[in-house]
Protein backbone atom coordinates (compact mmCIF):
# COMPACT_ATOMS: atom_id res chain seq x y z
CA MET A 1 -19.10 -24.55 -45.99
CA ALA A 2 -17.14 -27.84 -46.90
CA GLU A 3 -14.35 -26.78 -44.65
CA GLU A 4 -16.64 -26.34 -41.63
CA ASN A 5 -18.02 -29.85 -42.17
CA PHE A 6 -14.52 -31.31 -42.57
CA ASP A 7 -13.35 -29.75 -39.26
CA LYS A 8 -16.43 -31.08 -37.26
CA LYS A 9 -15.60 -34.68 -38.45
CA GLU A 10 -12.05 -34.40 -37.83
CA THR A 11 -12.67 -33.10 -34.23
CA LYS A 12 -14.99 -35.92 -33.50
CA LYS A 13 -12.63 -38.54 -34.68
CA SER A 14 -9.73 -36.96 -32.67
CA TRP A 15 -11.69 -36.96 -29.56
CA ASP A 16 -13.05 -40.63 -29.94
CA CYS A 17 -11.22 -42.39 -26.99
CA CYS A 18 -13.32 -45.58 -27.08
CA SER A 19 -12.73 -47.22 -30.37
CA SER A 20 -13.72 -50.61 -30.75
CA ARG A 21 -10.06 -51.68 -30.99
CA ASP A 22 -9.47 -49.75 -27.41
CA LYS A 23 -12.56 -51.66 -25.86
CA GLN A 24 -11.09 -54.95 -26.92
CA TYR A 25 -7.80 -54.30 -25.63
CA TYR A 26 -8.97 -53.26 -22.20
CA ARG A 27 -11.62 -55.99 -21.90
CA GLY A 28 -8.89 -58.62 -22.66
CA GLY A 29 -6.59 -57.38 -19.98
CA SER A 30 -9.21 -57.39 -17.13
CA ASP A 31 -10.41 -60.98 -17.95
CA ALA A 32 -7.02 -62.38 -16.57
CA TRP A 33 -7.49 -60.59 -13.09
CA GLY A 34 -11.15 -61.75 -13.14
CA TRP A 35 -9.96 -65.45 -13.29
CA VAL A 36 -7.58 -64.85 -10.58
CA TYR A 37 -10.28 -63.28 -8.36
CA PHE A 38 -12.66 -66.14 -9.09
CA LEU A 39 -10.21 -68.70 -8.00
CA GLY A 40 -9.47 -66.87 -4.95
CA VAL A 41 -13.28 -66.61 -4.30
CA ILE A 42 -13.68 -70.34 -4.80
CA GLY A 43 -10.66 -71.28 -2.60
CA THR A 44 -11.52 -68.99 0.31
CA ALA A 45 -15.33 -70.23 0.07
CA VAL A 46 -14.04 -73.71 0.49
CA TYR A 47 -11.85 -72.81 3.35
CA TYR A 48 -14.53 -70.84 5.28
CA VAL A 49 -17.33 -73.39 4.61
CA GLN A 50 -15.25 -76.32 5.98
CA GLN A 51 -14.78 -74.27 9.26
CA VAL A 52 -18.57 -73.80 9.96
CA SER A 53 -21.78 -75.84 10.40
CA GLY A 54 -25.46 -74.49 9.86
CA PHE A 55 -27.05 -72.80 6.96
CA TRP A 56 -26.69 -69.14 8.01
CA LEU A 57 -22.90 -69.74 8.92
CA VAL A 58 -22.43 -71.13 5.41
CA VAL A 59 -24.08 -68.15 3.97
CA LEU A 60 -21.86 -65.98 5.95
CA ALA A 61 -18.66 -67.75 4.85
CA ILE A 62 -19.71 -67.43 1.15
CA LEU A 63 -20.25 -63.75 1.71
CA LYS A 64 -16.91 -63.37 3.48
CA ALA A 65 -15.28 -65.45 0.61
CA ILE A 66 -16.62 -62.74 -1.86
CA VAL A 67 -14.88 -59.88 -0.03
CA TRP A 68 -11.71 -61.75 1.01
CA PRO A 69 -9.32 -59.16 -0.61
CA ALA A 70 -10.56 -56.49 2.10
CA PHE A 71 -9.84 -58.77 4.86
CA LEU A 72 -6.39 -59.49 3.28
CA LEU A 73 -5.49 -55.87 2.79
CA TYR A 74 -6.75 -55.02 6.25
CA LYS A 75 -4.14 -57.57 7.85
CA VAL A 76 -1.52 -56.17 5.50
CA PHE A 77 -1.91 -52.59 6.56
CA GLN A 78 -2.20 -53.74 10.32
CA LEU A 79 0.97 -55.49 9.95
CA LEU A 80 2.65 -52.40 8.24
CA GLY A 81 1.31 -50.15 11.04
CA MET A 82 -0.67 -47.98 8.72
C-alpha cells in the first residue's frame, strides 16, 4: 500500500513540466522581446501619425503601428519571391 502511494507521488513530480523555476525562466526571456516590440510600435506610430491628418486616419495609423511586423514580413517575402 505504501509503495502505491510512493509511485503516484513520483509520477506526479516527474510529469510536472511547469515548475515555478521554469515559469520564471520563460517569463524572463519573453520580456526582452516585448520591449523590442513595444519600441517598434511606438516608432511606427510616430512615423504613421506624422503622415496623416484627421481623427480616423490617426486611429488607422495607430492600428497599423500595432501590426507593423505583418507589413514588414509581407514586404520581405515579396522581395524574396515567396
